[in-house]
Protein backbone atom coordinates (compact mmCIF):
# COMPACT_ATOMS: atom_id res chain seq x y z
CA MET A 1 44.62 -29.06 41.55
CA TYR A 2 43.07 -31.53 39.09
CA ARG A 3 39.61 -30.64 40.38
CA ARG A 4 40.28 -26.93 39.85
CA MET A 5 41.54 -27.59 36.30
CA TYR A 6 38.37 -29.58 35.57
CA GLU A 7 36.16 -26.84 36.94
CA ASP A 8 38.00 -24.19 34.91
CA ARG A 9 37.68 -26.31 31.79
CA GLY A 10 33.97 -26.79 32.39
CA MET A 11 33.45 -23.09 32.86
CA CYS A 12 35.03 -22.45 29.47
CA HIS A 13 32.31 -24.56 27.82
CA GLN A 14 29.41 -22.82 29.54
CA PRO A 15 27.28 -20.74 27.14
CA ALA A 16 27.74 -17.01 27.42
CA ARG A 17 24.95 -15.16 29.13
CA ALA A 18 22.88 -12.82 27.03
CA THR A 19 23.86 -9.23 27.46
CA PRO A 20 21.29 -6.52 27.92
CA ALA A 21 22.02 -5.35 24.38
CA HIS A 22 20.48 -8.58 23.03
CA ARG A 23 17.36 -8.45 25.14
CA PRO A 24 14.10 -7.21 23.60
CA SER A 25 13.33 -3.60 24.36
CA PRO A 26 10.37 -2.78 26.63
CA ALA A 27 8.52 -1.35 23.62
CA LEU A 28 9.06 -4.59 21.71
CA ARG A 29 7.86 -6.76 24.60
CA THR A 30 4.77 -4.60 25.05
CA ALA A 31 3.99 -4.60 21.33
CA THR A 32 4.34 -8.39 21.16
CA LEU A 33 1.89 -8.82 24.04
CA VAL A 34 -0.55 -6.41 22.39
CA VAL A 35 -0.27 -8.39 19.13
CA ALA A 36 -1.24 -11.60 20.93
CA VAL A 37 -4.25 -10.00 22.66
CA LEU A 38 -5.49 -8.25 19.52
CA ALA A 39 -5.05 -11.36 17.38
CA ALA A 40 -7.20 -13.32 19.83
CA CYS A 41 -9.88 -10.60 19.82
CA CYS A 42 -9.89 -10.48 16.02
CA ALA A 43 -10.19 -14.26 15.77
CA VAL A 44 -13.09 -14.39 18.24
CA LEU A 45 -15.04 -11.58 16.59
CA MET A 46 -14.44 -12.92 13.08
CA SER A 47 -15.66 -16.35 14.17
CA LEU A 48 -18.81 -14.93 15.76
CA VAL A 49 -19.56 -12.96 12.60
CA ALA A 50 -18.88 -15.95 10.35
CA VAL A 51 -21.22 -18.28 12.28
CA GLU A 52 -23.82 -15.52 12.61
CA TRP A 53 -23.95 -15.72 16.39
CA ALA A 54 -27.52 -14.81 17.31
CA PRO A 55 -26.85 -12.28 20.11
CA LEU A 56 -24.39 -10.41 17.88
CA VAL A 57 -26.77 -10.42 14.92
CA GLU A 58 -29.59 -9.17 17.14
CA ALA A 59 -27.48 -6.37 18.63
CA ASP A 60 -26.25 -5.32 15.18
CA GLY A 61 -29.76 -5.24 13.81
CA SER A 62 -31.16 -3.29 16.74
CA VAL A 63 -28.52 -0.55 16.56
CA SER A 64 -28.60 -0.36 12.76
CA ARG A 65 -32.39 -0.07 12.56
CA THR A 66 -32.32 2.77 15.08
CA THR A 67 -29.56 4.73 13.36
CA HIS A 68 -31.17 4.19 9.95
CA ARG A 69 -34.41 5.74 11.18
CA TRP A 70 -32.41 8.74 12.39
CA ALA A 71 -30.56 8.99 9.07
CA VAL A 72 -33.77 8.96 7.03
CA ARG A 73 -35.45 11.49 9.32
CA ASP A 74 -32.52 13.93 9.60
CA GLY A 75 -31.36 14.68 6.07
CA ALA A 76 -29.00 17.49 7.10
CA ALA A 77 -27.08 15.29 9.52
CA THR A 78 -26.94 12.54 6.91
CA SER A 79 -25.44 14.95 4.37
CA VAL A 80 -22.71 15.89 6.86
CA MET A 81 -22.04 12.21 7.53
CA ARG A 82 -21.66 11.55 3.81
CA VAL A 83 -19.15 14.37 3.40
CA LEU A 84 -17.13 13.11 6.37
CA SER A 85 -17.27 9.50 5.20
CA ASP A 86 -16.67 10.06 1.49
CA TRP A 87 -14.26 13.02 1.45
CA VAL A 88 -12.69 13.80 4.83
CA LEU A 89 -12.15 10.46 6.57
CA ASP A 90 -12.31 8.08 3.61
CA PRO A 91 -9.51 5.53 3.02
CA LEU A 92 -8.06 7.43 0.04
CA THR A 93 -7.64 10.61 2.06
CA MET A 94 -6.04 8.67 4.90
CA ARG A 95 -3.58 6.98 2.55
CA LEU A 96 -2.70 10.32 0.99
CA VAL A 97 -1.92 11.66 4.48
CA CYS A 98 0.47 8.74 4.97
CA ALA A 99 2.09 9.39 1.59
CA VAL A 100 2.66 13.05 2.49
CA VAL A 101 4.21 12.07 5.84
CA ALA A 102 6.45 9.51 4.11
CA LEU A 103 7.66 12.13 1.63
CA TRP A 104 8.32 14.56 4.48
CA LEU A 105 10.36 11.92 6.32
CA LEU A 106 12.48 11.39 3.20
CA TRP A 107 12.89 15.08 2.39
CA ARG A 108 13.44 16.56 5.83
CA ARG A 109 15.06 13.70 7.75
CA ALA A 110 16.33 11.21 5.16
CA ALA A 111 14.46 8.58 7.17
CA TRP A 112 14.08 6.17 4.27
CA TRP A 113 13.51 3.10 6.48
CA THR A 114 10.71 4.78 8.44
CA ALA A 115 9.09 6.10 5.25
CA LEU A 116 9.24 2.66 3.62
CA TRP A 117 7.88 1.02 6.77
CA LEU A 118 4.98 3.47 6.85
CA VAL A 119 3.99 2.97 3.21
CA LEU A 120 4.36 -0.81 3.30
CA THR A 121 2.28 -1.10 6.47
CA VAL A 122 -0.59 0.81 4.87
CA GLY A 123 -0.32 -1.46 1.84
CA VAL A 124 -0.34 -4.60 3.99
CA ALA A 125 -3.44 -3.29 5.77
CA VAL A 126 -5.28 -3.14 2.43
CA VAL A 127 -4.34 -6.76 1.68
CA VAL A 128 -5.44 -7.92 5.15
CA GLN A 129 -8.70 -6.00 4.88
CA GLN A 130 -9.66 -7.42 1.49
CA SER A 131 -8.57 -10.94 2.48
CA VAL A 132 -10.77 -10.95 5.57
CA LYS A 133 -13.69 -9.50 3.59
CA ALA A 134 -13.35 -12.29 1.02
CA ALA A 135 -12.98 -14.98 3.69
CA VAL A 136 -16.00 -13.93 5.76
CA GLY A 137 -18.19 -12.69 2.91
CA ARG A 138 -20.65 -10.89 5.16
CA PRO A 139 -23.44 -9.04 3.33
CA ARG A 140 -24.03 -5.38 4.04
CA PRO A 141 -27.27 -4.06 5.53
CA VAL A 142 -30.11 -3.76 3.00
CA TRP A 143 -32.74 -1.05 3.41
CA PRO A 144 -35.91 -0.22 1.45
CA ASP A 145 -34.94 3.45 1.63
CA PRO A 146 -31.10 3.57 1.64
CA VAL A 147 -29.26 6.84 2.23
CA ASP A 148 -25.92 5.61 0.86
CA SER A 149 -24.32 2.61 -0.84
CA ALA A 150 -21.01 0.77 -0.74
CA ARG A 151 -19.18 -2.05 -2.49
CA PHE A 152 -17.49 -5.25 -1.35
CA ALA A 153 -18.31 -7.36 1.70
CA ALA A 154 -19.15 -5.74 5.03
CA PHE A 155 -16.69 -7.22 7.55
CA PRO A 156 -14.43 -5.54 8.51
CA SER A 157 -15.14 -1.88 7.76
CA GLY A 158 -12.43 -0.60 5.43
CA HIS A 159 -13.00 2.99 6.52
CA ALA A 160 -12.62 2.14 10.22
CA MET A 161 -9.61 -0.10 9.62
CA THR A 162 -7.75 2.38 7.42
CA ALA A 163 -8.34 5.26 9.85
CA THR A 164 -7.11 3.11 12.75
CA VAL A 165 -3.97 2.05 10.87
CA VAL A 166 -3.04 5.53 9.68
CA CYS A 167 -3.79 7.32 12.95
CA GLY A 168 -2.14 4.56 14.98
CA LEU A 169 1.06 4.62 12.92
CA LEU A 170 1.33 8.41 13.00
CA LEU A 171 0.67 8.56 16.74
CA TRP A 172 3.34 5.95 17.37
CA LEU A 173 5.85 7.87 15.25
CA LEU A 174 5.08 11.06 17.18
CA HIS A 175 5.55 9.23 20.46
CA ARG A 176 8.76 7.65 19.19
CA ASP A 177 10.03 11.07 18.20
CA GLY A 178 9.51 12.40 21.72
CA THR A 179 6.38 14.47 21.15
CA ARG A 180 4.87 15.45 24.49
CA GLY A 181 2.62 18.01 26.11
CA ALA A 182 -0.15 19.90 24.34
CA LEU A 183 0.93 18.77 20.86
CA TRP A 184 0.78 15.11 21.85
CA TRP A 185 -2.65 15.34 23.45
CA THR A 186 -3.98 17.34 20.51
CA ALA A 187 -2.77 14.61 18.15
CA VAL A 188 -4.39 11.92 20.32
CA ALA A 189 -7.69 13.83 20.37
CA VAL A 190 -7.68 14.32 16.59
CA ALA A 191 -6.86 10.64 16.03
CA LEU A 192 -9.64 9.47 18.34
CA LEU A 193 -12.15 11.79 16.69
CA ALA A 194 -11.15 10.50 13.26
CA VAL A 195 -11.25 6.81 14.18
CA VAL A 196 -14.46 6.92 16.22
CA GLY A 197 -16.07 9.45 13.90
CA VAL A 198 -15.57 7.50 10.70
CA GLY A 199 -16.97 4.38 12.37
CA ALA A 200 -20.05 6.29 13.44
CA THR A 201 -20.61 7.63 9.92
CA ARG A 202 -20.55 4.14 8.42
CA VAL A 203 -23.21 2.87 10.80
CA TRP A 204 -25.29 6.04 10.45
CA LEU A 205 -25.25 5.75 6.65
CA GLY A 206 -26.43 2.16 6.91
CA VAL A 207 -23.56 0.59 4.97
CA HIS A 208 -22.05 -1.32 7.90
CA TRP A 209 -23.19 -3.24 10.93
CA PRO A 210 -21.69 -2.02 14.23
CA SER A 211 -19.60 -5.19 14.55
CA ASP A 212 -18.08 -4.44 11.12
CA VAL A 213 -16.76 -1.18 12.54
CA LEU A 214 -15.52 -2.93 15.68
CA GLY A 215 -13.75 -5.44 13.45
CA GLY A 216 -12.14 -2.62 11.48
CA TRP A 217 -10.83 -1.06 14.68
CA LEU A 218 -9.49 -4.38 15.98
CA PHE A 219 -7.83 -5.49 12.74
CA GLY A 220 -6.41 -2.00 12.24
CA ALA A 221 -4.93 -1.99 15.74
CA LEU A 222 -3.49 -5.47 15.10
CA VAL A 223 -1.76 -4.28 11.92
CA VAL A 224 -0.28 -1.32 13.83
CA ALA A 225 0.95 -3.55 16.65
CA VAL A 226 2.60 -5.98 14.23
CA ALA A 227 4.20 -3.05 12.41
CA VAL A 228 5.64 -1.76 15.68
CA VAL A 229 7.16 -5.19 16.37
CA VAL A 230 8.74 -5.20 12.89
CA TYR A 231 10.05 -1.67 13.41
CA GLU A 232 11.61 -2.53 16.75
CA TRP A 233 13.20 -5.68 15.33
CA ARG A 234 14.75 -3.87 12.35
CA PRO A 235 18.51 -4.36 11.91
CA ARG A 236 20.40 -1.75 13.88
CA GLY A 237 22.36 -0.77 10.78
CA VAL A 238 19.19 0.01 8.85
CA ARG A 239 18.51 3.54 9.99
CA GLY A 240 17.78 6.95 8.68
CA ARG A 241 17.39 10.16 10.56
CA GLY A 242 13.93 10.14 12.00
CA PRO A 243 11.78 8.70 14.77
CA GLY A 244 13.52 5.82 16.47
């Protein structure tokens, strides 16, 4: 009897097991893993750029010299690239798209948390982008016959990073909202065209090295992945009508 009383008393002091409600969601676990992988990739690429790793510098130079020759020779294609880069897929246009989506979320769904999360993430991306540019301080390509010009340091590409952040956030919201079928695949195709296309324009116009564009894609994807983790960890009482 005494042994049973002791066992019962000991059981009372055992810590309660975590319930499934307290466990991270599959989306949160996946996003956390993606954050770790992308952070490692960003750190490796940034280090190689900072130390001017010879194979990377050689590859950048080879690709850039080739595309610059094409840009100088084909003025019509270069004009199209400038319109796409400066007016259609530029960071300002991308941020305006996010602002419109945020306003729609507030107006149509009263999803104030999602709208705030969207706007703040885009703002954080700008801070990350400029901080990395200042830390690395990589010079842009210099040509005797330039076809375009740009300001600030080269790494990472602000155009590529902003497009990745905006398209990534909007795609994730569509997925979270249950978008499927033809609409989903159309959105994915448009996002890929925008992200890859703007990177190609920056290299074609000779204002970025290819690794700058790769860095923009990686850092942009990292910002999106971190934002998803924050969204999934949000307090359950902080909700508006909207995705998630």
